[in-house]
Amino acid sequence: MNKQYMSNFANNLKELIGDMSVNEFSKKVGIPQQTLSRYINMQREITLDNLCKIADYFDEDIDVLLGRKNY
């Protein structure tokens, strides 16, 4: 994945999670907390399955999450 998309996604995910803890969010979307932390810290590329889970949870367009389109 393009580094810019990874950075955009990490920033957008942090913003969307807001005050919720990563652990709490991980339970809501069914993605392990360690995996989410690695996405946020740009240490791991997101899988398509997990990208869809997060997009569905926030009812957000995948292109917006990746920074390919604006909100």
Foldseek 3Di string as FASTA:
>chain_A
DDPLLLQLLLVVVCVVCDPPDLCRVCVVLVHDSVVNVCSNVVNDDDDPVSLVSVCVVSVHDSCCSSVVDPD
